[in-house]
């Protein structure tokens, strides 16, 4: 999701609304999911999550958008596309319900996981409101 690139070093862009800082119990390089992030920055309609990489420098591990009209690479549009359409396009994807430390971006999600290495992966999550309308797109990189 331009201008953000997963794995990029920490960068604060103009328009930062708020920041949350967290401690972590995960080892360097191991990022099991976005809840492991040590810093989460909120911009208008965009959330970025950061985790320390090699040498302790923060790297972007998650970026999510909730801006109406934003679209995924496969053409699904926030505030327009339906859960059914996403499910038909990605029949093997994982369906989940929002939970965690306030990181859910909707009532339900459909997540497509792609392995990028032996113990590494990226995900694209489509978040939906209770009516089944796409409310957010989130991409995440993780592994050990």
N, C-alpha and C. Protein backbone atom coordinates (compact mmCIF):
# COMPACT_ATOMS: atom_id res chain seq x y z
N UNK A 1 0.84 -1.17 0.00
CA UNK A 1 0.00 0.00 0.00
C UNK A 1 0.89 1.24 0.00
N UNK A 2 1.07 1.81 -1.15
CA UNK A 2 1.94 2.98 -1.24
C UNK A 2 1.47 4.08 -0.30
N UNK A 3 2.34 4.84 0.26
CA UNK A 3 3.80 4.81 0.11
C UNK A 3 4.49 3.87 1.09
N UNK A 4 3.75 3.01 1.75
CA UNK A 4 4.32 2.10 2.74
C UNK A 4 4.77 0.80 2.06
N UNK A 5 5.94 0.27 2.48
CA UNK A 5 6.44 -1.00 1.98
C UNK A 5 6.81 -1.88 3.17
N UNK A 6 6.25 -3.08 3.24
CA UNK A 6 6.59 -3.98 4.33
C UNK A 6 8.10 -4.19 4.39
N UNK A 7 8.64 -4.15 5.60
CA UNK A 7 10.07 -4.33 5.79
C UNK A 7 10.88 -3.04 5.78
N UNK A 8 10.26 -1.93 5.40
CA UNK A 8 11.00 -0.67 5.35
C UNK A 8 11.36 -0.21 6.76
N UNK A 9 12.46 0.55 6.90
CA UNK A 9 12.83 1.06 8.23
C UNK A 9 11.82 2.10 8.70
N UNK A 10 11.79 2.32 10.02
CA UNK A 10 10.82 3.24 10.61
C UNK A 10 10.90 4.61 9.96
N UNK A 11 9.72 5.14 9.66
CA UNK A 11 9.60 6.46 9.07
C UNK A 11 8.29 7.05 9.55
N UNK A 12 8.36 8.24 10.11
CA UNK A 12 7.14 8.93 10.52
C UNK A 12 6.76 9.91 9.43
N UNK A 13 5.58 9.78 8.91
CA UNK A 13 5.11 10.65 7.84
C UNK A 13 4.25 11.77 8.42
N UNK A 14 4.06 12.84 7.66
CA UNK A 14 3.18 13.92 8.12
C UNK A 14 1.76 13.41 8.33
N UNK A 15 1.07 13.98 9.28
CA UNK A 15 -0.32 13.63 9.54
C UNK A 15 -0.51 12.58 10.62
N UNK A 16 0.53 12.26 11.36
CA UNK A 16 0.43 11.29 12.45
C UNK A 16 -0.61 11.79 13.46
N UNK A 17 -1.59 10.94 13.78
CA UNK A 17 -2.65 11.29 14.72
C UNK A 17 -2.29 10.85 16.13
N UNK A 18 -1.83 9.58 16.27
CA UNK A 18 -1.44 9.09 17.58
C UNK A 18 -0.53 7.87 17.43
N UNK A 19 0.14 7.53 18.53
CA UNK A 19 1.06 6.40 18.58
C UNK A 19 0.80 5.59 19.83
N UNK A 20 0.89 4.27 19.70
CA UNK A 20 0.82 3.38 20.86
C UNK A 20 2.14 2.60 20.91
N UNK A 21 2.73 2.51 22.11
CA UNK A 21 3.96 1.77 22.31
C UNK A 21 3.69 0.55 23.17
N UNK A 22 4.31 -0.58 22.82
CA UNK A 22 4.11 -1.83 23.54
C UNK A 22 5.45 -2.51 23.78
N UNK A 23 5.52 -3.30 24.85
CA UNK A 23 6.69 -4.16 25.04
C UNK A 23 6.38 -5.48 24.35
N UNK A 24 7.40 -6.28 24.11
CA UNK A 24 7.18 -7.55 23.43
C UNK A 24 7.96 -8.67 24.11
N UNK A 25 7.45 -9.88 23.99
CA UNK A 25 8.15 -11.03 24.56
C UNK A 25 8.67 -11.94 23.46
N UNK A 26 8.63 -11.46 22.21
CA UNK A 26 9.12 -12.25 21.09
C UNK A 26 10.58 -11.94 20.83
N UNK A 27 11.31 -12.93 20.37
CA UNK A 27 12.73 -12.74 20.07
C UNK A 27 12.93 -11.92 18.82
N UNK A 28 14.16 -11.44 18.62
CA UNK A 28 14.44 -10.64 17.42
C UNK A 28 14.15 -11.45 16.17
N UNK A 29 13.46 -10.85 15.24
CA UNK A 29 13.16 -11.50 13.98
C UNK A 29 11.90 -12.34 13.99
N UNK A 30 11.39 -12.75 15.15
CA UNK A 30 10.17 -13.57 15.19
C UNK A 30 8.96 -12.66 15.36
N UNK A 31 8.11 -12.65 14.36
CA UNK A 31 6.91 -11.84 14.41
C UNK A 31 5.74 -12.75 14.06
N UNK A 32 5.01 -13.26 15.07
CA UNK A 32 3.93 -14.20 14.80
C UNK A 32 2.68 -13.55 14.23
N UNK A 33 2.39 -12.32 14.60
CA UNK A 33 1.25 -11.58 14.04
C UNK A 33 1.37 -10.11 14.48
N UNK A 34 0.43 -9.29 14.04
CA UNK A 34 0.51 -7.85 14.29
C UNK A 34 0.47 -7.51 15.78
N UNK A 35 -0.09 -8.38 16.59
CA UNK A 35 -0.15 -8.09 18.02
C UNK A 35 1.24 -8.07 18.66
N UNK A 36 2.27 -8.52 17.94
CA UNK A 36 3.64 -8.49 18.45
C UNK A 36 4.31 -7.13 18.23
N UNK A 37 3.67 -6.24 17.49
CA UNK A 37 4.27 -4.94 17.17
C UNK A 37 4.62 -4.17 18.44
N UNK A 38 5.73 -3.47 18.41
CA UNK A 38 6.13 -2.67 19.56
C UNK A 38 5.72 -1.21 19.40
N UNK A 39 5.37 -0.80 18.18
CA UNK A 39 4.92 0.56 17.94
C UNK A 39 3.83 0.51 16.87
N UNK A 40 2.72 1.17 17.16
CA UNK A 40 1.65 1.28 16.18
C UNK A 40 1.34 2.77 16.01
N UNK A 41 1.43 3.23 14.77
CA UNK A 41 1.15 4.62 14.44
C UNK A 41 -0.18 4.69 13.69
N UNK A 42 -0.97 5.69 14.04
CA UNK A 42 -2.27 5.89 13.40
C UNK A 42 -2.25 7.21 12.64
N UNK A 43 -2.59 7.12 11.37
CA UNK A 43 -2.77 8.28 10.51
C UNK A 43 -4.26 8.29 10.13
N UNK A 44 -4.73 9.32 9.50
CA UNK A 44 -6.13 9.36 9.10
C UNK A 44 -6.43 8.23 8.12
N UNK A 45 -7.14 7.19 8.59
CA UNK A 45 -7.51 6.06 7.75
C UNK A 45 -6.45 5.00 7.53
N UNK A 46 -5.26 5.18 8.12
CA UNK A 46 -4.16 4.22 7.93
C UNK A 46 -3.53 3.89 9.27
N UNK A 47 -3.21 2.61 9.46
CA UNK A 47 -2.51 2.15 10.66
C UNK A 47 -1.24 1.44 10.22
N UNK A 48 -0.12 1.80 10.86
CA UNK A 48 1.15 1.11 10.58
C UNK A 48 1.65 0.49 11.86
N UNK A 49 2.23 -0.71 11.77
CA UNK A 49 2.76 -1.42 12.93
C UNK A 49 4.22 -1.76 12.68
N UNK A 50 5.03 -1.57 13.72
CA UNK A 50 6.48 -1.69 13.61
C UNK A 50 7.02 -2.68 14.63
N UNK A 51 8.06 -3.42 14.24
CA UNK A 51 8.69 -4.41 15.10
C UNK A 51 10.19 -4.31 14.89
N UNK A 52 10.99 -4.45 15.98
CA UNK A 52 12.45 -4.35 15.81
C UNK A 52 13.00 -5.53 15.02
N UNK A 53 13.77 -5.22 13.99
CA UNK A 53 14.44 -6.24 13.20
C UNK A 53 15.86 -6.43 13.69
N UNK A 54 16.70 -6.92 12.82
CA UNK A 54 18.11 -7.13 13.16
C UNK A 54 18.72 -5.80 13.62
N UNK A 55 19.46 -5.85 14.69
CA UNK A 55 20.08 -4.64 15.23
C UNK A 55 19.13 -3.78 16.03
N UNK A 56 17.90 -4.22 16.22
CA UNK A 56 16.95 -3.48 17.04
C UNK A 56 16.26 -2.32 16.34
N UNK A 57 16.53 -2.11 15.05
CA UNK A 57 15.88 -1.02 14.33
C UNK A 57 14.47 -1.42 13.93
N UNK A 58 13.53 -0.50 14.09
CA UNK A 58 12.14 -0.77 13.77
C UNK A 58 11.93 -0.96 12.27
N UNK A 59 11.14 -1.98 11.93
CA UNK A 59 10.77 -2.28 10.55
C UNK A 59 9.26 -2.38 10.45
N UNK A 60 8.71 -1.98 9.32
CA UNK A 60 7.27 -2.05 9.10
C UNK A 60 6.85 -3.50 8.90
N UNK A 61 5.95 -4.00 9.77
CA UNK A 61 5.46 -5.37 9.65
C UNK A 61 3.98 -5.44 9.26
N UNK A 62 3.26 -4.32 9.38
CA UNK A 62 1.83 -4.34 9.09
C UNK A 62 1.38 -2.95 8.66
N UNK A 63 0.55 -2.90 7.65
CA UNK A 63 -0.07 -1.64 7.25
C UNK A 63 -1.52 -1.94 6.88
N UNK A 64 -2.42 -1.10 7.34
CA UNK A 64 -3.85 -1.29 7.09
C UNK A 64 -4.47 0.03 6.67
N UNK A 65 -5.43 -0.04 5.77
CA UNK A 65 -6.15 1.14 5.34
C UNK A 65 -7.64 0.94 5.55
N UNK A 66 -8.31 2.00 5.95
CA UNK A 66 -9.76 2.00 6.11
C UNK A 66 -10.38 3.13 5.29
N UNK A 67 -9.62 3.65 4.34
CA UNK A 67 -10.10 4.77 3.53
C UNK A 67 -11.06 4.27 2.44
N UNK A 68 -12.26 4.80 2.43
CA UNK A 68 -13.25 4.44 1.42
C UNK A 68 -12.66 4.66 0.03
N UNK A 69 -12.87 3.67 -0.84
CA UNK A 69 -12.37 3.76 -2.21
C UNK A 69 -11.02 3.11 -2.42
N UNK A 70 -10.25 2.88 -1.35
CA UNK A 70 -8.97 2.17 -1.51
C UNK A 70 -9.28 0.76 -1.99
N UNK A 71 -8.39 0.22 -2.82
CA UNK A 71 -8.65 -1.11 -3.37
C UNK A 71 -7.45 -2.02 -3.22
N UNK A 72 -7.76 -3.32 -3.15
CA UNK A 72 -6.72 -4.33 -3.08
C UNK A 72 -6.15 -4.56 -4.47
N UNK A 73 -5.03 -5.27 -4.55
CA UNK A 73 -4.41 -5.57 -5.84
C UNK A 73 -5.34 -6.38 -6.74
N UNK A 74 -6.24 -7.16 -6.13
CA UNK A 74 -7.17 -7.96 -6.93
C UNK A 74 -8.51 -7.27 -7.16
N UNK A 75 -8.58 -5.96 -6.86
CA UNK A 75 -9.72 -5.15 -7.26
C UNK A 75 -10.85 -4.96 -6.28
N UNK A 76 -10.74 -5.48 -5.05
CA UNK A 76 -11.81 -5.28 -4.07
C UNK A 76 -11.70 -3.88 -3.47
N UNK A 77 -12.85 -3.21 -3.29
CA UNK A 77 -12.88 -1.80 -2.90
C UNK A 77 -13.54 -1.63 -1.53
N UNK A 78 -12.87 -0.86 -0.66
CA UNK A 78 -13.41 -0.57 0.67
C UNK A 78 -14.71 0.21 0.54
N UNK A 79 -15.69 -0.16 1.35
CA UNK A 79 -17.04 0.40 1.39
C UNK A 79 -17.89 0.03 0.18
N UNK A 80 -17.44 -0.97 -0.59
CA UNK A 80 -18.20 -1.39 -1.76
C UNK A 80 -18.26 -2.91 -1.91
N UNK A 81 -17.12 -3.58 -1.82
CA UNK A 81 -17.05 -5.03 -2.07
C UNK A 81 -17.68 -5.83 -0.94
N UNK A 82 -18.16 -7.03 -1.28
CA UNK A 82 -18.83 -7.87 -0.30
C UNK A 82 -17.96 -9.05 0.15
N UNK A 83 -18.27 -9.56 1.34
CA UNK A 83 -17.59 -10.73 1.87
C UNK A 83 -17.76 -11.91 0.92
N UNK A 84 -18.95 -12.08 0.36
CA UNK A 84 -19.20 -13.18 -0.56
C UNK A 84 -18.30 -13.14 -1.78
N UNK A 85 -18.08 -11.96 -2.35
CA UNK A 85 -17.22 -11.82 -3.52
C UNK A 85 -15.77 -12.19 -3.19
N UNK A 86 -15.30 -11.75 -2.03
CA UNK A 86 -13.94 -12.08 -1.61
C UNK A 86 -13.83 -13.57 -1.36
N UNK A 87 -14.81 -14.15 -0.73
CA UNK A 87 -14.82 -15.59 -0.43
C UNK A 87 -14.78 -16.43 -1.71
N UNK A 88 -15.54 -16.00 -2.72
CA UNK A 88 -15.53 -16.72 -4.00
C UNK A 88 -14.16 -16.65 -4.67
N UNK A 89 -13.51 -15.50 -4.56
CA UNK A 89 -12.19 -15.31 -5.19
C UNK A 89 -11.10 -16.07 -4.45
N UNK A 90 -11.23 -16.21 -3.12
CA UNK A 90 -10.22 -16.87 -2.29
C UNK A 90 -10.87 -17.97 -1.45
N UNK A 91 -11.31 -19.08 -2.06
CA UNK A 91 -12.04 -20.11 -1.32
C UNK A 91 -11.23 -20.80 -0.22
N UNK A 92 -9.92 -20.82 -0.31
CA UNK A 92 -9.10 -21.49 0.71
C UNK A 92 -8.63 -20.56 1.81
N UNK A 93 -9.07 -19.32 1.80
CA UNK A 93 -8.62 -18.34 2.79
C UNK A 93 -9.22 -18.64 4.16
N UNK A 94 -8.59 -18.11 5.20
CA UNK A 94 -9.02 -18.30 6.58
C UNK A 94 -10.03 -17.23 6.97
N UNK A 95 -11.12 -17.66 7.59
CA UNK A 95 -12.12 -16.72 8.09
C UNK A 95 -11.93 -16.58 9.60
N UNK A 96 -11.92 -15.34 10.10
CA UNK A 96 -11.71 -15.11 11.53
C UNK A 96 -12.62 -14.00 12.01
N UNK A 97 -12.71 -13.90 13.32
CA UNK A 97 -13.50 -12.85 13.96
C UNK A 97 -12.57 -11.93 14.70
N UNK A 98 -12.86 -10.63 14.67
CA UNK A 98 -12.00 -9.64 15.30
C UNK A 98 -11.81 -9.86 16.78
N UNK A 99 -10.56 -9.93 17.21
CA UNK A 99 -10.23 -10.01 18.63
C UNK A 99 -8.77 -9.61 18.77
N UNK A 100 -8.27 -9.62 19.97
CA UNK A 100 -6.90 -9.17 20.19
C UNK A 100 -6.92 -7.88 20.96
N UNK A 101 -5.80 -7.18 20.92
CA UNK A 101 -5.70 -5.95 21.72
C UNK A 101 -6.20 -4.73 20.97
N UNK A 102 -7.44 -4.81 20.51
CA UNK A 102 -8.05 -3.66 19.83
C UNK A 102 -7.54 -3.46 18.42
N UNK A 103 -6.99 -4.48 17.79
CA UNK A 103 -6.42 -4.34 16.46
C UNK A 103 -7.38 -4.76 15.35
N UNK A 104 -8.54 -5.28 15.71
CA UNK A 104 -9.52 -5.70 14.71
C UNK A 104 -10.02 -4.47 13.97
N UNK A 105 -10.19 -4.62 12.67
CA UNK A 105 -10.65 -3.51 11.83
C UNK A 105 -12.05 -3.75 11.30
N UNK A 106 -12.72 -4.75 11.86
CA UNK A 106 -14.08 -5.07 11.46
C UNK A 106 -14.60 -6.21 12.31
N UNK A 107 -15.83 -6.65 12.00
CA UNK A 107 -16.44 -7.74 12.75
C UNK A 107 -15.86 -9.09 12.36
N UNK A 108 -15.54 -9.28 11.09
CA UNK A 108 -14.95 -10.52 10.60
C UNK A 108 -13.86 -10.20 9.59
N UNK A 109 -13.03 -11.21 9.30
CA UNK A 109 -11.99 -11.02 8.29
C UNK A 109 -11.79 -12.30 7.50
N UNK A 110 -11.27 -12.12 6.31
CA UNK A 110 -10.83 -13.23 5.46
C UNK A 110 -9.35 -12.96 5.18
N UNK A 111 -8.50 -13.93 5.50
CA UNK A 111 -7.06 -13.75 5.37
C UNK A 111 -6.47 -14.73 4.36
N UNK A 112 -5.71 -14.18 3.43
CA UNK A 112 -4.98 -14.97 2.44
C UNK A 112 -3.53 -14.98 2.87
N UNK A 113 -2.97 -16.18 3.10
CA UNK A 113 -1.59 -16.33 3.56
C UNK A 113 -0.74 -16.83 2.41
N UNK A 114 0.43 -16.22 2.25
CA UNK A 114 1.39 -16.66 1.24
C UNK A 114 2.74 -16.88 1.90
N UNK A 115 3.29 -18.08 1.76
CA UNK A 115 4.62 -18.38 2.30
C UNK A 115 5.66 -17.70 1.42
N UNK A 116 6.62 -17.05 2.07
CA UNK A 116 7.69 -16.37 1.34
C UNK A 116 9.06 -16.98 1.65
N UNK A 117 9.08 -17.96 2.52
CA UNK A 117 10.31 -18.64 2.90
C UNK A 117 9.96 -19.79 3.81
N UNK A 118 11.01 -20.48 4.31
CA UNK A 118 10.77 -21.65 5.16
C UNK A 118 9.94 -21.30 6.39
N UNK A 119 10.26 -20.18 7.05
CA UNK A 119 9.51 -19.75 8.23
C UNK A 119 9.03 -18.32 8.09
N UNK A 120 8.75 -17.89 6.88
CA UNK A 120 8.32 -16.51 6.65
C UNK A 120 7.04 -16.51 5.80
N UNK A 121 6.23 -15.47 5.98
CA UNK A 121 4.96 -15.38 5.26
C UNK A 121 4.51 -13.93 5.15
N UNK A 122 3.60 -13.69 4.24
CA UNK A 122 2.87 -12.43 4.17
C UNK A 122 1.39 -12.78 4.16
N UNK A 123 0.58 -11.86 4.66
CA UNK A 123 -0.86 -12.06 4.62
C UNK A 123 -1.53 -10.81 4.06
N UNK A 124 -2.69 -11.02 3.49
CA UNK A 124 -3.57 -9.92 3.12
C UNK A 124 -4.90 -10.24 3.77
N UNK A 125 -5.35 -9.35 4.63
CA UNK A 125 -6.63 -9.55 5.32
C UNK A 125 -7.65 -8.55 4.82
N UNK A 126 -8.82 -9.08 4.51
CA UNK A 126 -9.97 -8.28 4.12
C UNK A 126 -10.89 -8.22 5.33
N UNK A 127 -11.17 -7.03 5.85
CA UNK A 127 -12.02 -6.87 7.04
C UNK A 127 -13.40 -6.39 6.63
N UNK A 128 -14.44 -6.95 7.31
CA UNK A 128 -15.83 -6.66 6.96
C UNK A 128 -16.63 -6.21 8.18
N UNK A 129 -17.62 -5.37 7.93
CA UNK A 129 -18.54 -4.99 9.01
C UNK A 129 -19.58 -6.09 9.18
N UNK A 130 -20.52 -5.91 10.09
CA UNK A 130 -21.52 -6.92 10.39
C UNK A 130 -22.42 -7.22 9.19
N UNK A 131 -22.54 -6.28 8.27
CA UNK A 131 -23.36 -6.49 7.06
C UNK A 131 -22.61 -7.24 5.96
N UNK A 132 -21.30 -7.44 6.15
CA UNK A 132 -20.51 -8.14 5.14
C UNK A 132 -19.91 -7.24 4.08
N UNK A 133 -19.80 -5.94 4.37
CA UNK A 133 -19.20 -4.99 3.44
C UNK A 133 -17.75 -4.75 3.85
N UNK A 134 -16.85 -4.71 2.87
CA UNK A 134 -15.42 -4.51 3.12
C UNK A 134 -15.18 -3.17 3.81
N UNK A 135 -14.52 -3.19 4.98
CA UNK A 135 -14.26 -1.96 5.72
C UNK A 135 -12.77 -1.62 5.80
N UNK A 136 -11.89 -2.61 5.56
CA UNK A 136 -10.46 -2.35 5.67
C UNK A 136 -9.67 -3.42 4.93
N UNK A 137 -8.47 -3.04 4.52
CA UNK A 137 -7.49 -3.96 3.94
C UNK A 137 -6.25 -3.89 4.80
N UNK A 138 -5.67 -5.04 5.10
CA UNK A 138 -4.47 -5.08 5.96
C UNK A 138 -3.47 -6.07 5.38
N UNK A 139 -2.22 -5.68 5.31
CA UNK A 139 -1.17 -6.59 4.87
C UNK A 139 -0.13 -6.69 5.96
N UNK A 140 0.41 -7.88 6.13
CA UNK A 140 1.30 -8.18 7.25
C UNK A 140 2.41 -9.11 6.79
N UNK A 141 3.62 -8.93 7.35
CA UNK A 141 4.72 -9.83 7.09
C UNK A 141 5.17 -10.40 8.42
N UNK A 142 5.41 -11.71 8.47
CA UNK A 142 5.79 -12.34 9.73
C UNK A 142 6.67 -13.55 9.53
N UNK A 143 7.03 -14.16 10.63
CA UNK A 143 7.86 -15.35 10.61
C UNK A 143 8.99 -15.24 11.60
N UNK A 144 9.95 -16.15 11.49
CA UNK A 144 11.13 -16.15 12.37
C UNK A 144 12.39 -16.16 11.53
